[in-house]
Amino acid sequence: MGVNETRQIKGILRTLNGVSEKVVKKITLDMTANLQQATPVDTGWARANWVPAIGLPYTANLQNVQASASAASAARARQQGGIAAVGGYSLRMGKVFISNNVPYIMILNDGSSNQAPAGFVQRAVRKAVTTDLGSLG
C-alpha cells in the first residue's frame, strides 16, 4: 500500500470517527431530553436524575434521600454536568450511559403515575434512536 492510499484510509477513518462521535452525542442528548420530558413530575426529583455519563454509568445511592425540590436542584446540577461532558465526547473516551438512580424510577415506568403511561422510558429511548438514525439516511 502506498503513501496516498494510507493517507486516504486515515482520512476516511477520521471522517467515520467524527460522524460516529456526532451521532453518539446527538442520540445521548436527545435521549436525555426525551427522558426528562416524559418523566412524571411531583417534586421534579425523578426528572432531574436522568444523568448522562461517559465511561461508566453515574451511580448514587439515593435510597435515603428524601424527594424534594432541593434534592431535585442538586440532581439538576449533576445532570447539567453530564450533559456538558457529553458535549465534549470523543470515541476514545468510551461508552456513554444515561442512568436514573431514583429508587422508584421503575415503578414510575411501570405506570404508577397518571402523568405518564407505562413504558415511557422505552418510548423516549426509541424516539431518540429512530429520529436521529432516521435523519442520517
N, C-alpha and C. Protein backbone atom coordinates (compact mmCIF):
# COMPACT_ATOMS: atom_id res chain seq x y z
N MET A 1 0.85 -1.17 0.00
CA MET A 1 0.00 0.00 0.00
C MET A 1 0.90 1.23 0.00
N GLY A 2 0.57 2.17 -0.86
CA GLY A 2 1.37 3.37 -1.00
C GLY A 2 0.99 4.44 0.01
N VAL A 3 1.75 5.51 0.01
CA VAL A 3 1.54 6.63 0.94
C VAL A 3 0.18 7.28 0.70
N ASN A 4 -0.21 7.45 -0.56
CA ASN A 4 -1.50 8.08 -0.87
C ASN A 4 -2.67 7.25 -0.36
N GLU A 5 -2.59 5.93 -0.54
CA GLU A 5 -3.67 5.07 -0.05
C GLU A 5 -3.77 5.13 1.47
N THR A 6 -2.61 5.11 2.13
CA THR A 6 -2.57 5.18 3.59
C THR A 6 -3.20 6.47 4.08
N ARG A 7 -2.87 7.59 3.43
CA ARG A 7 -3.47 8.88 3.80
C ARG A 7 -4.98 8.86 3.58
N GLN A 8 -5.42 8.28 2.47
CA GLN A 8 -6.85 8.20 2.17
C GLN A 8 -7.57 7.38 3.23
N ILE A 9 -6.99 6.26 3.60
CA ILE A 9 -7.62 5.42 4.62
C ILE A 9 -7.69 6.16 5.95
N LYS A 10 -6.61 6.83 6.33
CA LYS A 10 -6.61 7.59 7.58
C LYS A 10 -7.65 8.71 7.54
N GLY A 11 -7.80 9.34 6.39
CA GLY A 11 -8.81 10.40 6.24
C GLY A 11 -10.22 9.84 6.37
N ILE A 12 -10.45 8.70 5.76
CA ILE A 12 -11.77 8.05 5.85
C ILE A 12 -12.06 7.68 7.30
N LEU A 13 -11.08 7.13 8.00
CA LEU A 13 -11.28 6.75 9.40
C LEU A 13 -11.56 7.97 10.28
N ARG A 14 -10.85 9.08 10.04
CA ARG A 14 -11.12 10.31 10.80
C ARG A 14 -12.55 10.78 10.56
N THR A 15 -12.99 10.72 9.30
CA THR A 15 -14.35 11.13 8.98
C THR A 15 -15.37 10.23 9.66
N LEU A 16 -15.16 8.92 9.60
CA LEU A 16 -16.07 7.98 10.25
C LEU A 16 -16.12 8.19 11.76
N ASN A 17 -14.96 8.42 12.36
CA ASN A 17 -14.93 8.68 13.80
C ASN A 17 -15.69 9.96 14.13
N GLY A 18 -15.50 10.99 13.32
CA GLY A 18 -16.20 12.26 13.55
C GLY A 18 -17.71 12.10 13.44
N VAL A 19 -18.15 11.38 12.43
CA VAL A 19 -19.59 11.14 12.26
C VAL A 19 -20.12 10.32 13.44
N SER A 20 -19.38 9.28 13.82
CA SER A 20 -19.81 8.43 14.94
C SER A 20 -19.92 9.24 16.23
N GLU A 21 -18.96 10.10 16.49
CA GLU A 21 -19.00 10.93 17.69
C GLU A 21 -20.20 11.85 17.68
N LYS A 22 -20.49 12.46 16.53
CA LYS A 22 -21.66 13.34 16.43
C LYS A 22 -22.95 12.58 16.68
N VAL A 23 -23.06 11.37 16.14
CA VAL A 23 -24.27 10.56 16.32
C VAL A 23 -24.44 10.18 17.79
N VAL A 24 -23.35 9.76 18.44
CA VAL A 24 -23.43 9.39 19.85
C VAL A 24 -23.85 10.59 20.69
N LYS A 25 -23.25 11.74 20.45
CA LYS A 25 -23.62 12.95 21.19
C LYS A 25 -25.09 13.29 20.99
N LYS A 26 -25.53 13.30 19.74
CA LYS A 26 -26.91 13.69 19.43
C LYS A 26 -27.92 12.74 20.05
N ILE A 27 -27.68 11.44 19.90
CA ILE A 27 -28.62 10.47 20.48
C ILE A 27 -28.63 10.60 22.00
N THR A 28 -27.48 10.75 22.62
CA THR A 28 -27.41 10.86 24.08
C THR A 28 -28.14 12.10 24.56
N LEU A 29 -27.89 13.23 23.93
CA LEU A 29 -28.54 14.48 24.35
C LEU A 29 -30.04 14.45 24.09
N ASP A 30 -30.44 13.93 22.93
CA ASP A 30 -31.86 13.83 22.62
C ASP A 30 -32.56 12.84 23.56
N MET A 31 -31.89 11.73 23.84
CA MET A 31 -32.48 10.73 24.73
C MET A 31 -32.65 11.31 26.14
N THR A 32 -31.65 12.04 26.61
CA THR A 32 -31.75 12.67 27.94
C THR A 32 -32.92 13.65 27.96
N ALA A 33 -33.04 14.46 26.92
CA ALA A 33 -34.14 15.42 26.84
C ALA A 33 -35.49 14.70 26.78
N ASN A 34 -35.58 13.64 26.00
CA ASN A 34 -36.83 12.88 25.90
C ASN A 34 -37.21 12.26 27.24
N LEU A 35 -36.22 11.71 27.94
CA LEU A 35 -36.48 11.10 29.25
C LEU A 35 -36.94 12.15 30.24
N GLN A 36 -36.30 13.31 30.23
CA GLN A 36 -36.71 14.40 31.12
C GLN A 36 -38.16 14.78 30.84
N GLN A 37 -38.46 14.97 29.58
CA GLN A 37 -39.80 15.41 29.20
C GLN A 37 -40.86 14.37 29.54
N ALA A 38 -40.55 13.10 29.41
CA ALA A 38 -41.53 12.04 29.60
C ALA A 38 -41.74 11.66 31.07
N THR A 39 -40.79 11.99 31.92
CA THR A 39 -40.86 11.57 33.33
C THR A 39 -41.92 12.37 34.07
N PRO A 40 -42.81 11.68 34.78
CA PRO A 40 -43.83 12.38 35.57
C PRO A 40 -43.19 13.25 36.66
N VAL A 41 -43.87 14.32 37.02
CA VAL A 41 -43.30 15.26 37.98
C VAL A 41 -44.21 15.42 39.20
N ASP A 42 -43.60 15.24 40.36
CA ASP A 42 -44.22 15.62 41.61
C ASP A 42 -43.30 16.68 42.23
N THR A 43 -42.13 16.25 42.66
CA THR A 43 -41.13 17.19 43.18
C THR A 43 -40.11 17.57 42.10
N GLY A 44 -40.05 16.81 41.02
CA GLY A 44 -39.06 17.03 39.97
C GLY A 44 -37.78 16.23 40.17
N TRP A 45 -37.72 15.46 41.25
CA TRP A 45 -36.51 14.72 41.59
C TRP A 45 -36.24 13.61 40.58
N ALA A 46 -37.26 12.86 40.23
CA ALA A 46 -37.05 11.77 39.25
C ALA A 46 -36.63 12.34 37.90
N ARG A 47 -37.28 13.39 37.47
CA ARG A 47 -36.96 14.01 36.18
C ARG A 47 -35.52 14.53 36.16
N ALA A 48 -35.08 15.11 37.27
CA ALA A 48 -33.75 15.69 37.33
C ALA A 48 -32.63 14.65 37.45
N ASN A 49 -32.99 13.41 37.73
CA ASN A 49 -31.97 12.38 37.93
C ASN A 49 -31.62 11.58 36.68
N TRP A 50 -32.02 12.02 35.50
CA TRP A 50 -31.53 11.40 34.27
C TRP A 50 -30.16 12.00 34.00
N VAL A 51 -29.10 11.26 34.35
CA VAL A 51 -27.75 11.79 34.30
C VAL A 51 -26.92 11.04 33.26
N PRO A 52 -26.52 11.73 32.20
CA PRO A 52 -25.60 11.11 31.23
C PRO A 52 -24.19 11.08 31.81
N ALA A 53 -23.45 10.04 31.45
CA ALA A 53 -22.08 9.90 31.91
C ALA A 53 -21.26 9.16 30.86
N ILE A 54 -19.97 9.38 30.88
CA ILE A 54 -19.06 8.76 29.92
C ILE A 54 -18.13 7.81 30.66
N GLY A 55 -17.93 6.64 30.08
CA GLY A 55 -17.01 5.65 30.66
C GLY A 55 -17.69 4.67 31.57
N LEU A 56 -18.40 5.17 32.56
CA LEU A 56 -19.16 4.35 33.50
C LEU A 56 -20.48 5.05 33.79
N PRO A 57 -21.53 4.29 34.08
CA PRO A 57 -22.79 4.96 34.42
C PRO A 57 -22.65 5.73 35.74
N TYR A 58 -23.37 6.82 35.84
CA TYR A 58 -23.42 7.56 37.09
C TYR A 58 -24.19 6.71 38.09
N THR A 59 -23.61 6.49 39.24
CA THR A 59 -24.30 5.72 40.28
C THR A 59 -24.31 6.55 41.55
N ALA A 60 -25.41 6.46 42.23
CA ALA A 60 -25.55 7.13 43.52
C ALA A 60 -26.57 6.33 44.32
N ASN A 61 -26.30 6.17 45.60
CA ASN A 61 -27.26 5.51 46.45
C ASN A 61 -28.24 6.56 46.96
N LEU A 62 -29.41 6.56 46.39
CA LEU A 62 -30.42 7.56 46.73
C LEU A 62 -31.53 6.99 47.60
N GLN A 63 -31.29 5.79 48.16
CA GLN A 63 -32.32 5.13 48.97
C GLN A 63 -32.80 5.98 50.14
N ASN A 64 -31.90 6.73 50.75
CA ASN A 64 -32.26 7.50 51.94
C ASN A 64 -32.42 8.99 51.66
N VAL A 65 -32.47 9.36 50.40
CA VAL A 65 -32.66 10.77 50.04
C VAL A 65 -34.15 11.04 49.91
N GLN A 66 -34.59 12.08 50.57
CA GLN A 66 -35.99 12.48 50.50
C GLN A 66 -36.24 13.23 49.20
N ALA A 67 -37.23 12.80 48.43
CA ALA A 67 -37.60 13.51 47.20
C ALA A 67 -38.10 14.90 47.58
N SER A 68 -37.43 15.93 47.06
CA SER A 68 -37.80 17.30 47.40
C SER A 68 -37.28 18.23 46.31
N ALA A 69 -37.71 19.47 46.40
CA ALA A 69 -37.24 20.46 45.43
C ALA A 69 -35.74 20.69 45.58
N SER A 70 -35.22 20.66 46.81
CA SER A 70 -33.78 20.87 46.99
C SER A 70 -32.99 19.67 46.47
N ALA A 71 -33.50 18.45 46.65
CA ALA A 71 -32.83 17.27 46.09
C ALA A 71 -32.86 17.33 44.57
N ALA A 72 -33.97 17.81 44.02
CA ALA A 72 -34.08 17.96 42.56
C ALA A 72 -33.08 18.98 42.05
N SER A 73 -32.88 20.04 42.78
CA SER A 73 -31.94 21.08 42.37
C SER A 73 -30.51 20.53 42.32
N ALA A 74 -30.13 19.77 43.33
CA ALA A 74 -28.79 19.15 43.34
C ALA A 74 -28.65 18.16 42.19
N ALA A 75 -29.71 17.41 41.93
CA ALA A 75 -29.67 16.43 40.83
C ALA A 75 -29.55 17.14 39.49
N ARG A 76 -30.24 18.26 39.32
CA ARG A 76 -30.15 19.02 38.06
C ARG A 76 -28.72 19.48 37.79
N ALA A 77 -28.01 19.84 38.85
CA ALA A 77 -26.62 20.25 38.68
C ALA A 77 -25.78 19.08 38.16
N ARG A 78 -25.97 17.89 38.71
CA ARG A 78 -25.26 16.70 38.22
C ARG A 78 -25.65 16.41 36.77
N GLN A 79 -26.93 16.54 36.50
CA GLN A 79 -27.45 16.29 35.15
C GLN A 79 -26.82 17.26 34.15
N GLN A 80 -26.77 18.53 34.50
CA GLN A 80 -26.17 19.52 33.60
C GLN A 80 -24.68 19.27 33.40
N GLY A 81 -24.00 18.81 34.44
CA GLY A 81 -22.60 18.45 34.31
C GLY A 81 -22.40 17.29 33.34
N GLY A 82 -23.28 16.31 33.42
CA GLY A 82 -23.22 15.17 32.50
C GLY A 82 -23.51 15.59 31.07
N ILE A 83 -24.48 16.47 30.90
CA ILE A 83 -24.82 16.97 29.56
C ILE A 83 -23.63 17.73 28.98
N ALA A 84 -22.99 18.55 29.79
CA ALA A 84 -21.81 19.30 29.32
C ALA A 84 -20.68 18.35 28.94
N ALA A 85 -20.49 17.28 29.71
CA ALA A 85 -19.43 16.32 29.40
C ALA A 85 -19.70 15.63 28.07
N VAL A 86 -20.94 15.30 27.80
CA VAL A 86 -21.29 14.65 26.54
C VAL A 86 -20.99 15.58 25.36
N GLY A 87 -21.13 16.87 25.56
CA GLY A 87 -20.81 17.83 24.50
C GLY A 87 -19.36 17.74 24.05
N GLY A 88 -18.47 17.28 24.91
CA GLY A 88 -17.07 17.14 24.57
C GLY A 88 -16.65 15.70 24.30
N TYR A 89 -17.63 14.86 24.03
CA TYR A 89 -17.37 13.42 23.86
C TYR A 89 -16.53 13.11 22.62
N SER A 90 -15.63 12.14 22.79
CA SER A 90 -14.93 11.53 21.66
C SER A 90 -14.92 10.02 21.88
N LEU A 91 -14.81 9.27 20.80
CA LEU A 91 -14.87 7.81 20.88
C LEU A 91 -13.84 7.23 21.84
N ARG A 92 -12.68 7.83 21.92
CA ARG A 92 -11.63 7.28 22.78
C ARG A 92 -12.02 7.35 24.26
N MET A 93 -13.06 8.11 24.61
CA MET A 93 -13.49 8.25 25.99
C MET A 93 -14.30 7.04 26.47
N GLY A 94 -14.81 6.24 25.54
CA GLY A 94 -15.55 5.05 25.93
C GLY A 94 -17.04 5.16 25.71
N LYS A 95 -17.75 4.27 26.38
CA LYS A 95 -19.20 4.20 26.24
C LYS A 95 -19.89 5.38 26.92
N VAL A 96 -21.12 5.64 26.48
CA VAL A 96 -21.94 6.69 27.08
C VAL A 96 -23.15 6.02 27.73
N PHE A 97 -23.51 6.50 28.90
CA PHE A 97 -24.63 5.94 29.65
C PHE A 97 -25.58 7.05 30.06
N ILE A 98 -26.84 6.70 30.26
CA ILE A 98 -27.81 7.60 30.88
C ILE A 98 -28.47 6.77 31.99
N SER A 99 -28.38 7.26 33.21
CA SER A 99 -28.95 6.49 34.31
C SER A 99 -29.84 7.37 35.17
N ASN A 100 -30.68 6.69 35.92
CA ASN A 100 -31.54 7.36 36.89
C ASN A 100 -31.55 6.47 38.12
N ASN A 101 -31.01 6.98 39.22
CA ASN A 101 -30.85 6.19 40.43
C ASN A 101 -31.95 6.41 41.47
N VAL A 102 -33.01 7.11 41.08
CA VAL A 102 -34.13 7.30 41.99
C VAL A 102 -34.74 5.92 42.27
N PRO A 103 -34.94 5.59 43.54
CA PRO A 103 -35.39 4.23 43.88
C PRO A 103 -36.71 3.82 43.22
N TYR A 104 -37.57 4.76 42.89
CA TYR A 104 -38.89 4.41 42.37
C TYR A 104 -39.02 4.63 40.86
N ILE A 105 -37.90 4.80 40.15
CA ILE A 105 -38.00 5.07 38.71
C ILE A 105 -38.66 3.92 37.96
N MET A 106 -38.38 2.69 38.36
CA MET A 106 -39.00 1.54 37.68
C MET A 106 -40.51 1.49 37.96
N ILE A 107 -40.91 1.87 39.15
CA ILE A 107 -42.34 1.91 39.48
C ILE A 107 -43.04 2.96 38.63
N LEU A 108 -42.39 4.12 38.46
CA LEU A 108 -42.95 5.15 37.58
C LEU A 108 -43.07 4.62 36.15
N ASN A 109 -42.02 3.95 35.69
CA ASN A 109 -42.03 3.43 34.32
C ASN A 109 -43.07 2.31 34.14
N ASP A 110 -43.42 1.66 35.24
CA ASP A 110 -44.46 0.62 35.18
C ASP A 110 -45.86 1.21 35.13
N GLY A 111 -45.98 2.55 35.24
CA GLY A 111 -47.28 3.20 35.08
C GLY A 111 -47.94 3.65 36.36
N SER A 112 -47.17 3.84 37.45
CA SER A 112 -47.77 4.22 38.73
C SER A 112 -48.29 5.65 38.76
N SER A 113 -47.88 6.48 37.81
CA SER A 113 -48.33 7.87 37.78
C SER A 113 -49.35 8.06 36.65
N ASN A 114 -50.35 8.86 36.94
CA ASN A 114 -51.34 9.19 35.89
C ASN A 114 -50.75 10.14 34.85
N GLN A 115 -49.59 10.74 35.14
CA GLN A 115 -48.98 11.71 34.24
C GLN A 115 -48.26 11.07 33.05
N ALA A 116 -47.88 9.80 33.20
CA ALA A 116 -47.13 9.14 32.12
C ALA A 116 -47.55 7.67 32.04
N PRO A 117 -47.76 7.19 30.85
CA PRO A 117 -48.15 5.79 30.71
C PRO A 117 -46.97 4.85 30.99
N ALA A 118 -47.30 3.61 31.26
CA ALA A 118 -46.25 2.60 31.46
C ALA A 118 -45.37 2.54 30.22
N GLY A 119 -44.08 2.34 30.42
CA GLY A 119 -43.15 2.22 29.31
C GLY A 119 -42.67 3.55 28.74
N PHE A 120 -42.82 4.64 29.50
CA PHE A 120 -42.39 5.94 28.97
C PHE A 120 -40.89 5.97 28.70
N VAL A 121 -40.11 5.21 29.47
CA VAL A 121 -38.66 5.19 29.25
C VAL A 121 -38.35 4.57 27.89
N GLN A 122 -38.94 3.42 27.61
CA GLN A 122 -38.70 2.75 26.34
C GLN A 122 -39.13 3.63 25.16
N ARG A 123 -40.24 4.33 25.30
CA ARG A 123 -40.69 5.21 24.21
C ARG A 123 -39.74 6.38 24.00
N ALA A 124 -39.22 6.94 25.09
CA ALA A 124 -38.28 8.06 24.99
C ALA A 124 -36.98 7.62 24.30
N VAL A 125 -36.51 6.43 24.64
CA VAL A 125 -35.30 5.90 24.02
C VAL A 125 -35.54 5.63 22.55
N ARG A 126 -36.64 4.95 22.25
CA ARG A 126 -36.97 4.61 20.85
C ARG A 126 -37.10 5.87 20.00
N LYS A 127 -37.72 6.89 20.55
CA LYS A 127 -37.90 8.15 19.81
C LYS A 127 -36.55 8.77 19.45
N ALA A 128 -35.62 8.81 20.39
CA ALA A 128 -34.30 9.41 20.12
C ALA A 128 -33.55 8.61 19.08
N VAL A 129 -33.56 7.30 19.21
CA VAL A 129 -32.80 6.46 18.29
C VAL A 129 -33.39 6.50 16.89
N THR A 130 -34.69 6.34 16.78
CA THR A 130 -35.30 6.31 15.44
C THR A 130 -35.26 7.67 14.76
N THR A 131 -35.45 8.73 15.52
CA THR A 131 -35.41 10.07 14.93
C THR A 131 -34.01 10.41 14.47
N ASP A 132 -33.01 10.18 15.32
CA ASP A 132 -31.65 10.56 14.99
C ASP A 132 -31.04 9.66 13.93
N LEU A 133 -31.25 8.38 14.02
CA LEU A 133 -30.70 7.48 12.99
C LEU A 133 -31.46 7.62 11.68
N GLY A 134 -32.75 7.92 11.78
CA GLY A 134 -33.55 8.14 10.57
C GLY A 134 -33.10 9.37 9.80
N SER A 135 -32.56 10.37 10.52
CA SER A 135 -32.11 11.59 9.86
C SER A 135 -30.79 11.39 9.11
N LEU A 136 -30.11 10.27 9.37
CA LEU A 136 -28.84 10.01 8.68
C LEU A 136 -29.07 9.56 7.24
N GLY A 137 -30.19 8.87 7.02
CA GLY A 137 -30.44 8.30 5.70
C GLY A 137 -30.89 9.31 4.72
